[in-house]
């Protein structure tokens, strides 16, 4: 059985592991089979999903991520990203103050914005002011009914996202969910 204690990035940090274990139970509803070990950063199948989406809708970038619950909020671990979605190298773990994806996870809902400067949930975030995200689509990914991460398409310019483009992001999120399910023996 897998558990939160096996998270590679934090195995030497008992304080973080204890917090993650508790948050696993709260967020994911299960203790021993946490989603954390399911994907590694740079996983080739996750990269394939991200790059396929990028080819379909041509945003500034695509980001596939998983949630890392912490005391300071939901951090996002980058599993795959195309190019430099925000015009700079991304850290492996993104702090909530500079993301919109943490809202996708925390609210367990899709967020679509053609113009982030006027979107009431995200206009005042660091994702807009610091990272320069001007248009955004984020779709949560679920395992056993609980959100574990998501897929985001970002643009550095305002952009009208078509229904088809939003659907492509949804389809990519479903592909990541199917991958998660397959890796847990179809559970």
C-alpha atoms as a PDB file:
ATOM      1  CA  UNK A   1       0.000   0.000   0.000  1.00  0.00           C
ATOM      2  CA  UNK A   2       1.118   3.521  -0.763  1.00  0.00           C
ATOM      3  CA  UNK A   3       0.903   6.295   1.760  1.00  0.00           C
ATOM      4  CA  UNK A   4       1.725   9.962   2.136  1.00  0.00           C
ATOM      5  CA  UNK A   5       4.910   9.146   4.061  1.00  0.00           C
ATOM      6  CA  UNK A   6       6.462   7.957   0.807  1.00  0.00           C
ATOM      7  CA  UNK A   7       6.365  11.340  -0.899  1.00  0.00           C
ATOM      8  CA  UNK A   8       9.894  11.586  -2.272  1.00  0.00           C
ATOM      9  CA  UNK A   9      10.261  15.343  -2.000  1.00  0.00           C
ATOM     10  CA  UNK A  10       9.402  15.469   1.688  1.00  0.00           C
ATOM     11  CA  UNK A  11      10.489  12.149   3.158  1.00  0.00           C
ATOM     12  CA  UNK A  12      13.111  13.826   5.371  1.00  0.00           C
ATOM     13  CA  UNK A  13      10.683  16.420   6.710  1.00  0.00           C
ATOM     14  CA  UNK A  14       8.543  14.808   9.447  1.00  0.00           C
ATOM     15  CA  UNK A  15       6.667  18.066  10.085  1.00  0.00           C
ATOM     16  CA  UNK A  16       5.574  18.285   6.445  1.00  0.00           C
ATOM     17  CA  UNK A  17       4.803  14.570   6.304  1.00  0.00           C
ATOM     18  CA  UNK A  18       2.548  14.753   9.369  1.00  0.00           C
ATOM     19  CA  UNK A  19       0.703  17.717   7.882  1.00  0.00           C
ATOM     20  CA  UNK A  20       0.390  15.973   4.518  1.00  0.00           C
ATOM     21  CA  UNK A  21      -0.897  12.784   6.140  1.00  0.00           C
ATOM     22  CA  UNK A  22      -3.612  14.718   7.952  1.00  0.00           C
ATOM     23  CA  UNK A  23      -4.503  16.725   4.838  1.00  0.00           C
ATOM     24  CA  UNK A  24      -4.615  13.492   2.793  1.00  0.00           C
ATOM     25  CA  UNK A  25      -7.301  12.197   5.070  1.00  0.00           C
ATOM     26  CA  UNK A  26      -9.264  15.443   4.923  1.00  0.00           C
ATOM     27  CA  UNK A  27      -8.879  16.202   1.207  1.00  0.00           C
ATOM     28  CA  UNK A  28      -8.750  12.761  -0.313  1.00  0.00           C
ATOM     29  CA  UNK A  29     -10.791  10.782   2.196  1.00  0.00           C
ATOM     30  CA  UNK A  30      -8.261   7.981   2.465  1.00  0.00           C
ATOM     31  CA  UNK A  31      -5.047   7.517   4.404  1.00  0.00           C
ATOM     32  CA  UNK A  32      -3.026   4.647   2.982  1.00  0.00           C
ATOM     33  CA  UNK A  33      -3.462   4.990  -0.765  1.00  0.00           C
ATOM     34  CA  UNK A  34      -2.698   8.653  -1.288  1.00  0.00           C
ATOM     35  CA  UNK A  35      -2.380  10.071  -4.752  1.00  0.00           C
ATOM     36  CA  UNK A  36       1.057  11.568  -4.076  1.00  0.00           C
ATOM     37  CA  UNK A  37       3.242   8.637  -5.209  1.00  0.00           C
ATOM     38  CA  UNK A  38       1.183   7.994  -8.358  1.00  0.00           C
ATOM     39  CA  UNK A  39       3.058  10.427 -10.617  1.00  0.00           C
ATOM     40  CA  UNK A  40       6.604  11.710 -10.685  1.00  0.00           C
ATOM     41  CA  UNK A  41       7.568  15.105 -12.014  1.00  0.00           C
ATOM     42  CA  UNK A  42       8.418  14.684 -15.691  1.00  0.00           C
ATOM     43  CA  UNK A  43       6.367  11.480 -16.048  1.00  0.00           C
ATOM     44  CA  UNK A  44       6.431  10.742 -19.819  1.00  0.00           C
ATOM     45  CA  UNK A  45       2.729   9.907 -20.033  1.00  0.00           C
ATOM     46  CA  UNK A  46       1.753  13.108 -18.205  1.00  0.00           C
ATOM     47  CA  UNK A  47       4.115  15.080 -20.471  1.00  0.00           C
ATOM     48  CA  UNK A  48       2.420  13.506 -23.492  1.00  0.00           C
ATOM     49  CA  UNK A  49      -0.986  14.704 -22.248  1.00  0.00           C
ATOM     50  CA  UNK A  50       0.356  18.234 -21.668  1.00  0.00           C
ATOM     51  CA  UNK A  51       2.147  18.503 -25.023  1.00  0.00           C
ATOM     52  CA  UNK A  52      -0.834  17.068 -26.906  1.00  0.00           C
ATOM     53  CA  UNK A  53      -3.097  19.709 -25.355  1.00  0.00           C
ATOM     54  CA  UNK A  54      -0.559  22.411 -26.197  1.00  0.00           C
ATOM     55  CA  UNK A  55      -0.546  21.280 -29.844  1.00  0.00           C
ATOM     56  CA  UNK A  56      -4.354  21.360 -29.975  1.00  0.00           C
ATOM     57  CA  UNK A  57      -4.982  24.855 -28.568  1.00  0.00           C
ATOM     58  CA  UNK A  58      -1.598  26.685 -28.802  1.00  0.00           C
ATOM     59  CA  UNK A  59      -1.627  28.619 -25.512  1.00  0.00           C
ATOM     60  CA  UNK A  60       1.472  30.229 -23.994  1.00  0.00           C
ATOM     61  CA  UNK A  61       1.753  27.034 -21.972  1.00  0.00           C
ATOM     62  CA  UNK A  62       0.115  24.013 -20.401  1.00  0.00           C
ATOM     63  CA  UNK A  63       0.678  22.822 -16.861  1.00  0.00           C
ATOM     64  CA  UNK A  64      -0.252  19.457 -15.345  1.00  0.00           C
ATOM     65  CA  UNK A  65      -0.043  19.520 -11.575  1.00  0.00           C
ATOM     66  CA  UNK A  66      -0.918  17.701  -8.388  1.00  0.00           C
ATOM     67  CA  UNK A  67      -1.979  19.257  -5.094  1.00  0.00           C
ATOM     68  CA  UNK A  68       0.373  19.260  -2.122  1.00  0.00           C
ATOM     69  CA  UNK A  69      -1.693  20.224   0.918  1.00  0.00           C
ATOM     70  CA  UNK A  70       0.272  22.285   3.456  1.00  0.00           C
ATOM     71  CA  UNK A  71      -0.468  24.489   6.431  1.00  0.00           C
ATOM     72  CA  UNK A  72       0.052  27.580   4.249  1.00  0.00           C
ATOM     73  CA  UNK A  73      -2.390  26.447   1.565  1.00  0.00           C
ATOM     74  CA  UNK A  74      -2.450  24.152  -1.409  1.00  0.00           C
ATOM     75  CA  UNK A  75       0.873  24.136  -3.195  1.00  0.00           C
ATOM     76  CA  UNK A  76       1.109  22.728  -6.695  1.00  0.00           C
ATOM     77  CA  UNK A  77       3.754  20.271  -7.785  1.00  0.00           C
ATOM     78  CA  UNK A  78       4.478  20.653 -11.485  1.00  0.00           C
ATOM     79  CA  UNK A  79       4.201  17.235 -13.121  1.00  0.00           C
ATOM     80  CA  UNK A  80       4.653  18.526 -16.674  1.00  0.00           C
ATOM     81  CA  UNK A  81       4.682  21.864 -18.419  1.00  0.00           C
ATOM     82  CA  UNK A  82       5.170  22.975 -21.980  1.00  0.00           C
ATOM     83  CA  UNK A  83       7.889  25.511 -22.661  1.00  0.00           C
ATOM     84  CA  UNK A  84       7.816  28.267 -20.066  1.00  0.00           C
ATOM     85  CA  UNK A  85       4.083  28.946 -19.629  1.00  0.00           C
ATOM     86  CA  UNK A  86       4.644  32.260 -17.862  1.00  0.00           C
ATOM     87  CA  UNK A  87       7.740  33.382 -19.717  1.00  0.00           C
ATOM     88  CA  UNK A  88      10.174  32.044 -17.127  1.00  0.00           C
ATOM     89  CA  UNK A  89      11.409  28.795 -15.646  1.00  0.00           C
ATOM     90  CA  UNK A  90       8.911  27.368 -13.165  1.00  0.00           C
ATOM     91  CA  UNK A  91       9.861  26.003  -9.786  1.00  0.00           C
ATOM     92  CA  UNK A  92       8.954  22.343  -9.211  1.00  0.00           C
ATOM     93  CA  UNK A  93       6.573  23.380  -6.415  1.00  0.00           C
ATOM     94  CA  UNK A  94       4.450  26.508  -6.842  1.00  0.00           C
ATOM     95  CA  UNK A  95       3.182  28.515  -3.880  1.00  0.00           C
ATOM     96  CA  UNK A  96      -0.574  29.227  -3.753  1.00  0.00           C
ATOM     97  CA  UNK A  97      -0.159  33.003  -3.862  1.00  0.00           C
ATOM     98  CA  UNK A  98       1.222  32.738  -7.417  1.00  0.00           C
ATOM     99  CA  UNK A  99      -1.186  30.190  -8.860  1.00  0.00           C
ATOM    100  CA  UNK A 100      -4.744  29.914 -10.030  1.00  0.00           C
ATOM    101  CA  UNK A 101      -4.560  26.115 -10.014  1.00  0.00           C
ATOM    102  CA  UNK A 102      -4.774  26.060  -6.222  1.00  0.00           C
ATOM    103  CA  UNK A 103      -8.249  27.596  -6.571  1.00  0.00           C
ATOM    104  CA  UNK A 104      -9.197  24.893  -9.078  1.00  0.00           C
ATOM    105  CA  UNK A 105      -8.190  22.304  -6.465  1.00  0.00           C
ATOM    106  CA  UNK A 106      -9.548  24.054  -3.359  1.00  0.00           C
ATOM    107  CA  UNK A 107     -12.886  24.906  -4.994  1.00  0.00           C
ATOM    108  CA  UNK A 108     -12.985  21.587  -6.891  1.00  0.00           C
ATOM    109  CA  UNK A 109     -14.205  23.351  -9.994  1.00  0.00           C
ATOM    110  CA  UNK A 110     -13.234  24.467 -13.444  1.00  0.00           C
ATOM    111  CA  UNK A 111     -12.108  28.065 -13.899  1.00  0.00           C
ATOM    112  CA  UNK A 112     -12.135  29.733 -17.316  1.00  0.00           C
ATOM    113  CA  UNK A 113     -11.101  33.342 -17.835  1.00  0.00           C
ATOM    114  CA  UNK A 114     -10.596  35.186 -21.113  1.00  0.00           C
ATOM    115  CA  UNK A 115      -9.263  38.171 -19.158  1.00  0.00           C
ATOM    116  CA  UNK A 116      -7.831  37.494 -15.719  1.00  0.00           C
ATOM    117  CA  UNK A 117      -7.674  41.228 -14.939  1.00  0.00           C
ATOM    118  CA  UNK A 118     -11.458  41.318 -14.551  1.00  0.00           C
ATOM    119  CA  UNK A 119     -12.203  37.837 -13.184  1.00  0.00           C
ATOM    120  CA  UNK A 120     -13.432  38.283  -9.589  1.00  0.00           C
ATOM    121  CA  UNK A 121     -11.682  35.175  -8.190  1.00  0.00           C
ATOM    122  CA  UNK A 122      -8.294  35.698  -9.739  1.00  0.00           C
ATOM    123  CA  UNK A 123      -7.739  39.351 -10.665  1.00  0.00           C
ATOM    124  CA  UNK A 124      -5.849  40.110  -7.437  1.00  0.00           C
ATOM    125  CA  UNK A 125      -3.670  36.992  -7.357  1.00  0.00           C
ATOM    126  CA  UNK A 126       0.064  36.764  -7.895  1.00  0.00           C
ATOM    127  CA  UNK A 127      -0.686  34.557 -10.891  1.00  0.00           C
ATOM    128  CA  UNK A 128      -1.847  37.727 -12.612  1.00  0.00           C
ATOM    129  CA  UNK A 129       0.387  40.405 -11.071  1.00  0.00           C
ATOM    130  CA  UNK A 130       3.591  38.384 -10.623  1.00  0.00           C
ATOM    131  CA  UNK A 131       3.378  35.556 -13.159  1.00  0.00           C
ATOM    132  CA  UNK A 132       1.629  37.560 -15.894  1.00  0.00           C
ATOM    133  CA  UNK A 133      -1.195  35.146 -16.657  1.00  0.00           C
ATOM    134  CA  UNK A 134      -3.783  37.072 -18.697  1.00  0.00           C
ATOM    135  CA  UNK A 135      -6.043  34.193 -19.823  1.00  0.00           C
ATOM    136  CA  UNK A 136      -6.621  30.888 -18.069  1.00  0.00           C
ATOM    137  CA  UNK A 137      -8.410  27.545 -18.238  1.00  0.00           C
ATOM    138  CA  UNK A 138      -8.043  25.169 -15.306  1.00  0.00           C
ATOM    139  CA  UNK A 139      -9.827  21.853 -14.888  1.00  0.00           C
ATOM    140  CA  UNK A 140      -9.557  19.693 -11.761  1.00  0.00           C
ATOM    141  CA  UNK A 141      -8.611  16.014 -11.914  1.00  0.00           C
ATOM    142  CA  UNK A 142     -10.311  13.555  -9.593  1.00  0.00           C
ATOM    143  CA  UNK A 143      -9.522  10.140  -8.186  1.00  0.00           C
ATOM    144  CA  UNK A 144     -12.233   8.304  -6.264  1.00  0.00           C
ATOM    145  CA  UNK A 145     -14.304  11.468  -6.467  1.00  0.00           C
ATOM    146  CA  UNK A 146     -11.671  13.670  -4.805  1.00  0.00           C
ATOM    147  CA  UNK A 147      -9.614  16.352  -6.547  1.00  0.00           C
ATOM    148  CA  UNK A 148      -5.906  15.495  -6.619  1.00  0.00           C
ATOM    149  CA  UNK A 149      -4.616  18.047  -9.123  1.00  0.00           C
ATOM    150  CA  UNK A 150      -5.457  19.457 -12.510  1.00  0.00           C
ATOM    151  CA  UNK A 151      -4.545  20.690 -15.958  1.00  0.00           C
ATOM    152  CA  UNK A 152      -4.196  24.368 -16.814  1.00  0.00           C
ATOM    153  CA  UNK A 153      -3.771  26.216 -20.087  1.00  0.00           C
ATOM    154  CA  UNK A 154      -2.432  29.746 -19.694  1.00  0.00           C
ATOM    155  CA  UNK A 155      -1.829  32.652 -21.995  1.00  0.00           C
ATOM    156  CA  UNK A 156       0.258  35.752 -21.497  1.00  0.00           C
ATOM    157  CA  UNK A 157      -2.311  37.803 -23.436  1.00  0.00           C
ATOM    158  CA  UNK A 158      -6.050  38.191 -23.099  1.00  0.00           C
ATOM    159  CA  UNK A 159      -7.677  35.544 -25.203  1.00  0.00           C
ATOM    160  CA  UNK A 160     -11.164  34.341 -25.992  1.00  0.00           C
ATOM    161  CA  UNK A 161     -11.199  30.623 -25.266  1.00  0.00           C
ATOM    162  CA  UNK A 162     -13.540  28.797 -27.632  1.00  0.00           C
ATOM    163  CA  UNK A 163     -15.878  26.069 -26.431  1.00  0.00           C
ATOM    164  CA  UNK A 164     -13.696  23.561 -28.309  1.00  0.00           C
ATOM    165  CA  UNK A 165     -10.535  24.766 -26.532  1.00  0.00           C
ATOM    166  CA  UNK A 166     -12.189  24.468 -23.130  1.00  0.00           C
ATOM    167  CA  UNK A 167     -13.356  20.977 -24.084  1.00  0.00           C
ATOM    168  CA  UNK A 168      -9.804  19.993 -25.075  1.00  0.00           C
ATOM    169  CA  UNK A 169      -8.609  20.958 -21.576  1.00  0.00           C
ATOM    170  CA  UNK A 170     -11.469  18.960 -20.030  1.00  0.00           C
ATOM    171  CA  UNK A 171     -10.542  15.963 -22.188  1.00  0.00           C
ATOM    172  CA  UNK A 172      -6.898  16.257 -21.095  1.00  0.00           C
ATOM    173  CA  UNK A 173      -7.975  16.319 -17.440  1.00  0.00           C
ATOM    174  CA  UNK A 174     -10.034  13.172 -18.043  1.00  0.00           C
ATOM    175  CA  UNK A 175      -6.976  11.539 -19.663  1.00  0.00           C
ATOM    176  CA  UNK A 176      -4.936  12.279 -16.517  1.00  0.00           C
ATOM    177  CA  UNK A 177      -7.740  10.812 -14.397  1.00  0.00           C
ATOM    178  CA  UNK A 178      -7.763   7.661 -16.560  1.00  0.00           C
ATOM    179  CA  UNK A 179      -4.003   7.389 -16.112  1.00  0.00           C
ATOM    180  CA  UNK A 180      -4.398   7.683 -12.341  1.00  0.00           C
ATOM    181  CA  UNK A 181      -7.105   5.045 -12.358  1.00  0.00           C
ATOM    182  CA  UNK A 182      -5.034   2.673 -14.522  1.00  0.00           C
ATOM    183  CA  UNK A 183      -2.065   3.048 -12.189  1.00  0.00           C
ATOM    184  CA  UNK A 184      -4.225   2.050  -9.249  1.00  0.00           C
ATOM    185  CA  UNK A 185      -5.360  -1.154 -10.930  1.00  0.00           C
ATOM    186  CA  UNK A 186      -8.589   0.308 -12.283  1.00  0.00           C
ATOM    187  CA  UNK A 187      -9.910   1.246  -8.832  1.00  0.00           C
END
